[in-house]
């Protein structure tokens, strides 16, 4: 099943977060940390703020938000995971965890 709202930026960000989660597993030698990060990200984004998660439909959330602005900043229909800020955050987190591995 292909998500029609995927952009090159969202695909790049998802790839980088995949590398980060893999490095987090290598650092802790346990799946619990990457699973917890993934759960916390999705729950906070969707369950608390009501943002679209990976292009999936909005659900009920604690807060009601309306995200507007340029697609590069908001992630557009894919959600915040497709925004430039997410890419920068994911890159920084990946570099930090890889440096901790050394």
N, C-alpha and C. Protein backbone atom coordinates (compact mmCIF):
# COMPACT_ATOMS: atom_id res chain seq x y z
N UNK A 1 0.85 -1.17 0.00
CA UNK A 1 0.00 0.00 0.00
C UNK A 1 0.90 1.24 0.00
N UNK A 2 0.76 2.07 -1.00
CA UNK A 2 1.57 3.26 -1.13
C UNK A 2 0.77 4.46 -0.65
N UNK A 3 1.41 5.31 0.13
CA UNK A 3 0.76 6.51 0.64
C UNK A 3 0.84 7.60 -0.44
N UNK A 4 -0.29 8.12 -0.90
CA UNK A 4 -0.26 9.13 -1.97
C UNK A 4 0.28 10.48 -1.53
N UNK A 5 0.41 10.72 -0.23
CA UNK A 5 0.86 12.01 0.27
C UNK A 5 2.36 12.08 0.53
N UNK A 6 3.09 11.02 0.21
CA UNK A 6 4.54 10.98 0.44
C UNK A 6 5.24 11.96 -0.49
N UNK A 7 6.21 12.69 0.07
CA UNK A 7 7.06 13.58 -0.72
C UNK A 7 8.50 13.12 -0.57
N UNK A 8 9.39 13.69 -1.36
CA UNK A 8 10.80 13.31 -1.24
C UNK A 8 11.32 13.65 0.15
N UNK A 9 10.86 14.77 0.73
CA UNK A 9 11.30 15.18 2.06
C UNK A 9 10.79 14.22 3.13
N UNK A 10 9.54 13.81 3.04
CA UNK A 10 9.00 12.88 4.04
C UNK A 10 9.68 11.52 3.92
N UNK A 11 9.95 11.07 2.71
CA UNK A 11 10.64 9.79 2.53
C UNK A 11 12.06 9.85 3.09
N UNK A 12 12.74 10.97 2.87
CA UNK A 12 14.09 11.14 3.40
C UNK A 12 14.08 11.16 4.92
N UNK A 13 13.12 11.86 5.50
CA UNK A 13 13.02 11.93 6.96
C UNK A 13 12.72 10.57 7.56
N UNK A 14 11.81 9.82 6.96
CA UNK A 14 11.48 8.48 7.46
C UNK A 14 12.70 7.57 7.36
N UNK A 15 13.47 7.71 6.29
CA UNK A 15 14.70 6.91 6.14
C UNK A 15 15.70 7.25 7.23
N UNK A 16 15.88 8.54 7.49
CA UNK A 16 16.85 8.96 8.51
C UNK A 16 16.39 8.53 9.90
N UNK A 17 15.11 8.63 10.20
CA UNK A 17 14.65 8.18 11.52
C UNK A 17 14.80 6.67 11.65
N UNK A 18 14.68 5.95 10.53
CA UNK A 18 14.95 4.51 10.55
C UNK A 18 16.39 4.21 10.92
N UNK A 19 17.31 5.02 10.38
CA UNK A 19 18.73 4.86 10.73
C UNK A 19 18.94 5.20 12.20
N UNK A 20 18.28 6.26 12.68
CA UNK A 20 18.39 6.63 14.09
C UNK A 20 17.88 5.51 14.99
N UNK A 21 16.72 4.96 14.68
CA UNK A 21 16.16 3.89 15.51
C UNK A 21 17.05 2.65 15.48
N UNK A 22 17.68 2.38 14.35
CA UNK A 22 18.62 1.26 14.26
C UNK A 22 19.84 1.52 15.13
N UNK A 23 20.36 2.75 15.09
CA UNK A 23 21.51 3.10 15.92
C UNK A 23 21.14 3.06 17.40
N UNK A 24 19.92 3.48 17.73
CA UNK A 24 19.47 3.42 19.12
C UNK A 24 19.41 1.98 19.60
N UNK A 25 18.97 1.09 18.73
CA UNK A 25 18.97 -0.34 19.08
C UNK A 25 20.40 -0.82 19.31
N UNK A 26 21.32 -0.44 18.43
CA UNK A 26 22.71 -0.87 18.57
C UNK A 26 23.33 -0.32 19.85
N UNK A 27 22.96 0.89 20.24
CA UNK A 27 23.52 1.50 21.45
C UNK A 27 23.02 0.80 22.71
N UNK A 28 21.73 0.55 22.79
CA UNK A 28 21.14 -0.04 23.99
C UNK A 28 21.04 -1.55 23.95
N UNK A 29 21.22 -2.15 22.76
CA UNK A 29 21.11 -3.61 22.58
C UNK A 29 19.75 -4.12 23.06
N UNK A 30 18.74 -3.33 22.83
CA UNK A 30 17.38 -3.68 23.22
C UNK A 30 16.40 -2.99 22.29
N UNK A 31 15.32 -3.67 21.97
CA UNK A 31 14.29 -3.06 21.12
C UNK A 31 13.41 -2.08 21.88
N UNK A 32 13.45 -2.11 23.22
CA UNK A 32 12.55 -1.28 24.00
C UNK A 32 12.73 0.20 23.74
N UNK A 33 13.97 0.67 23.64
CA UNK A 33 14.20 2.11 23.43
C UNK A 33 13.67 2.58 22.07
N UNK A 34 14.02 1.94 20.95
CA UNK A 34 13.45 2.39 19.68
C UNK A 34 11.92 2.27 19.62
N UNK A 35 11.38 1.23 20.23
CA UNK A 35 9.92 1.08 20.25
C UNK A 35 9.29 2.22 21.06
N UNK A 36 9.90 2.55 22.20
CA UNK A 36 9.38 3.63 23.05
C UNK A 36 9.45 4.97 22.33
N UNK A 37 10.54 5.22 21.61
CA UNK A 37 10.66 6.47 20.85
C UNK A 37 9.58 6.54 19.78
N UNK A 38 9.40 5.47 19.05
CA UNK A 38 8.40 5.44 17.98
C UNK A 38 7.00 5.64 18.55
N UNK A 39 6.69 4.95 19.64
CA UNK A 39 5.37 5.10 20.26
C UNK A 39 5.17 6.53 20.76
N UNK A 40 6.17 7.07 21.46
CA UNK A 40 6.05 8.42 22.01
C UNK A 40 5.85 9.46 20.90
N UNK A 41 6.59 9.31 19.80
CA UNK A 41 6.46 10.24 18.68
C UNK A 41 5.04 10.19 18.11
N UNK A 42 4.58 9.00 17.79
CA UNK A 42 3.24 8.87 17.19
C UNK A 42 2.14 9.29 18.15
N UNK A 43 2.26 8.90 19.42
CA UNK A 43 1.23 9.26 20.39
C UNK A 43 1.17 10.77 20.60
N UNK A 44 2.33 11.40 20.76
CA UNK A 44 2.37 12.84 20.98
C UNK A 44 1.83 13.58 19.76
N UNK A 45 2.29 13.17 18.60
CA UNK A 45 1.88 13.84 17.36
C UNK A 45 0.39 13.68 17.09
N UNK A 46 -0.12 12.48 17.25
CA UNK A 46 -1.51 12.20 16.89
C UNK A 46 -2.44 12.28 18.10
N UNK A 47 -2.10 11.62 19.18
CA UNK A 47 -3.00 11.54 20.34
C UNK A 47 -3.08 12.81 21.16
N UNK A 48 -1.99 13.58 21.19
CA UNK A 48 -1.99 14.81 21.97
C UNK A 48 -2.31 16.02 21.09
N UNK A 49 -1.53 16.19 20.02
CA UNK A 49 -1.66 17.39 19.19
C UNK A 49 -2.66 17.26 18.04
N UNK A 50 -3.06 16.06 17.71
CA UNK A 50 -4.04 15.87 16.64
C UNK A 50 -3.50 16.09 15.25
N UNK A 51 -2.20 15.99 15.09
CA UNK A 51 -1.59 16.17 13.77
C UNK A 51 -1.71 14.87 12.97
N UNK A 52 -1.63 15.00 11.68
CA UNK A 52 -1.64 13.83 10.80
C UNK A 52 -0.34 13.06 11.04
N UNK A 53 -0.41 11.75 11.12
CA UNK A 53 0.78 10.93 11.31
C UNK A 53 1.04 10.11 10.06
N UNK A 54 2.15 10.38 9.40
CA UNK A 54 2.58 9.66 8.20
C UNK A 54 1.50 9.60 7.12
N UNK A 55 0.74 10.66 7.00
CA UNK A 55 -0.28 10.72 5.96
C UNK A 55 -1.57 10.00 6.29
N UNK A 56 -1.66 9.40 7.48
CA UNK A 56 -2.89 8.73 7.88
C UNK A 56 -3.92 9.76 8.33
N UNK A 57 -5.17 9.35 8.37
CA UNK A 57 -6.24 10.27 8.75
C UNK A 57 -6.12 10.72 10.19
N UNK A 58 -6.63 11.93 10.46
CA UNK A 58 -6.65 12.45 11.82
C UNK A 58 -7.61 11.63 12.67
N UNK A 59 -7.31 11.53 13.95
CA UNK A 59 -8.18 10.84 14.90
C UNK A 59 -8.49 11.80 16.04
N UNK A 60 -9.28 11.36 16.99
CA UNK A 60 -9.55 12.18 18.17
C UNK A 60 -8.26 12.39 18.94
N UNK A 61 -8.11 13.58 19.50
CA UNK A 61 -6.89 13.89 20.24
C UNK A 61 -7.21 14.80 21.41
N UNK A 62 -6.23 14.97 22.28
CA UNK A 62 -6.38 15.82 23.44
C UNK A 62 -6.58 17.28 23.03
N UNK A 63 -5.79 17.74 22.07
CA UNK A 63 -5.88 19.11 21.57
C UNK A 63 -6.39 19.09 20.13
N UNK A 64 -7.03 20.16 19.74
CA UNK A 64 -7.47 20.30 18.36
C UNK A 64 -6.56 21.33 17.69
N UNK A 65 -5.84 20.91 16.68
CA UNK A 65 -4.92 21.81 16.01
C UNK A 65 -5.26 21.94 14.54
N UNK A 66 -4.91 23.08 14.00
CA UNK A 66 -5.03 23.29 12.57
C UNK A 66 -3.68 23.79 12.10
N UNK A 67 -2.98 22.96 11.36
CA UNK A 67 -1.64 23.29 10.91
C UNK A 67 -1.75 23.92 9.53
N UNK A 68 -1.28 25.16 9.41
CA UNK A 68 -1.32 25.86 8.13
C UNK A 68 0.05 26.44 7.83
N UNK A 69 0.32 26.63 6.57
CA UNK A 69 1.58 27.21 6.16
C UNK A 69 2.17 26.45 4.99
N UNK A 70 3.38 26.82 4.59
CA UNK A 70 4.02 26.15 3.46
C UNK A 70 4.25 24.67 3.74
N UNK A 71 4.10 23.85 2.72
CA UNK A 71 4.25 22.40 2.87
C UNK A 71 5.62 22.02 3.41
N UNK A 72 6.66 22.76 3.04
CA UNK A 72 8.01 22.44 3.49
C UNK A 72 8.13 22.61 5.01
N UNK A 73 7.35 23.51 5.58
CA UNK A 73 7.39 23.77 7.02
C UNK A 73 6.40 22.90 7.78
N UNK A 74 5.23 22.66 7.22
CA UNK A 74 4.18 21.91 7.92
C UNK A 74 4.17 20.42 7.61
N UNK A 75 4.78 20.03 6.50
CA UNK A 75 4.72 18.64 6.07
C UNK A 75 3.53 18.35 5.18
N UNK A 76 2.67 19.33 5.01
CA UNK A 76 1.51 19.17 4.12
C UNK A 76 0.60 18.04 4.57
N UNK A 77 0.07 17.30 3.61
CA UNK A 77 -0.87 16.21 3.89
C UNK A 77 -0.20 15.00 4.54
N UNK A 78 1.12 14.94 4.52
CA UNK A 78 1.83 13.82 5.16
C UNK A 78 1.95 14.04 6.66
N UNK A 79 1.94 15.30 7.08
CA UNK A 79 2.06 15.62 8.50
C UNK A 79 3.45 16.12 8.84
N UNK A 80 3.68 16.44 10.10
CA UNK A 80 4.96 17.00 10.53
C UNK A 80 6.18 16.13 10.21
N UNK A 81 5.98 14.85 10.01
CA UNK A 81 7.11 13.98 9.66
C UNK A 81 7.67 14.31 8.28
N UNK A 82 6.93 15.08 7.50
CA UNK A 82 7.39 15.46 6.18
C UNK A 82 7.89 16.89 6.12
N UNK A 83 8.18 17.50 7.27
CA UNK A 83 8.62 18.90 7.34
C UNK A 83 10.13 18.98 7.49
N UNK A 84 10.68 20.11 7.11
CA UNK A 84 12.12 20.32 7.18
C UNK A 84 12.63 20.26 8.63
N UNK A 85 11.82 20.72 9.60
CA UNK A 85 12.24 20.67 11.00
C UNK A 85 12.43 19.23 11.46
N UNK A 86 11.54 18.35 11.03
CA UNK A 86 11.67 16.93 11.39
C UNK A 86 12.95 16.36 10.81
N UNK A 87 13.28 16.76 9.59
CA UNK A 87 14.50 16.28 8.96
C UNK A 87 15.72 16.73 9.75
N UNK A 88 15.76 18.00 10.13
CA UNK A 88 16.90 18.53 10.90
C UNK A 88 16.99 17.82 12.25
N UNK A 89 15.87 17.68 12.95
CA UNK A 89 15.87 16.99 14.24
C UNK A 89 16.36 15.55 14.10
N UNK A 90 15.86 14.85 13.09
CA UNK A 90 16.26 13.46 12.87
C UNK A 90 17.74 13.34 12.55
N UNK A 91 18.27 14.27 11.76
CA UNK A 91 19.70 14.26 11.44
C UNK A 91 20.54 14.48 12.69
N UNK A 92 20.16 15.46 13.50
CA UNK A 92 20.91 15.74 14.74
C UNK A 92 20.85 14.54 15.68
N UNK A 93 19.68 13.98 15.88
CA UNK A 93 19.53 12.82 16.76
C UNK A 93 20.33 11.63 16.25
N UNK A 94 20.35 11.43 14.95
CA UNK A 94 21.11 10.32 14.37
C UNK A 94 22.60 10.52 14.57
N UNK A 95 23.10 11.72 14.32
CA UNK A 95 24.53 12.00 14.52
C UNK A 95 24.91 11.80 15.97
N UNK A 96 24.09 12.28 16.90
CA UNK A 96 24.39 12.14 18.33
C UNK A 96 24.47 10.67 18.73
N UNK A 97 23.50 9.88 18.34
CA UNK A 97 23.50 8.47 18.75
C UNK A 97 24.64 7.70 18.09
N UNK A 98 24.99 8.06 16.85
CA UNK A 98 26.12 7.40 16.19
C UNK A 98 27.42 7.78 16.87
N UNK A 99 27.56 9.04 17.29
CA UNK A 99 28.76 9.44 18.03
C UNK A 99 28.85 8.72 19.38
N UNK A 100 27.71 8.47 20.01
CA UNK A 100 27.71 7.73 21.27
C UNK A 100 28.13 6.28 21.08
N UNK A 101 27.94 5.76 19.87
CA UNK A 101 28.33 4.38 19.59
C UNK A 101 29.84 4.20 19.54
N UNK A 102 30.56 5.27 19.26
CA UNK A 102 32.03 5.18 19.11
C UNK A 102 32.75 5.13 20.42
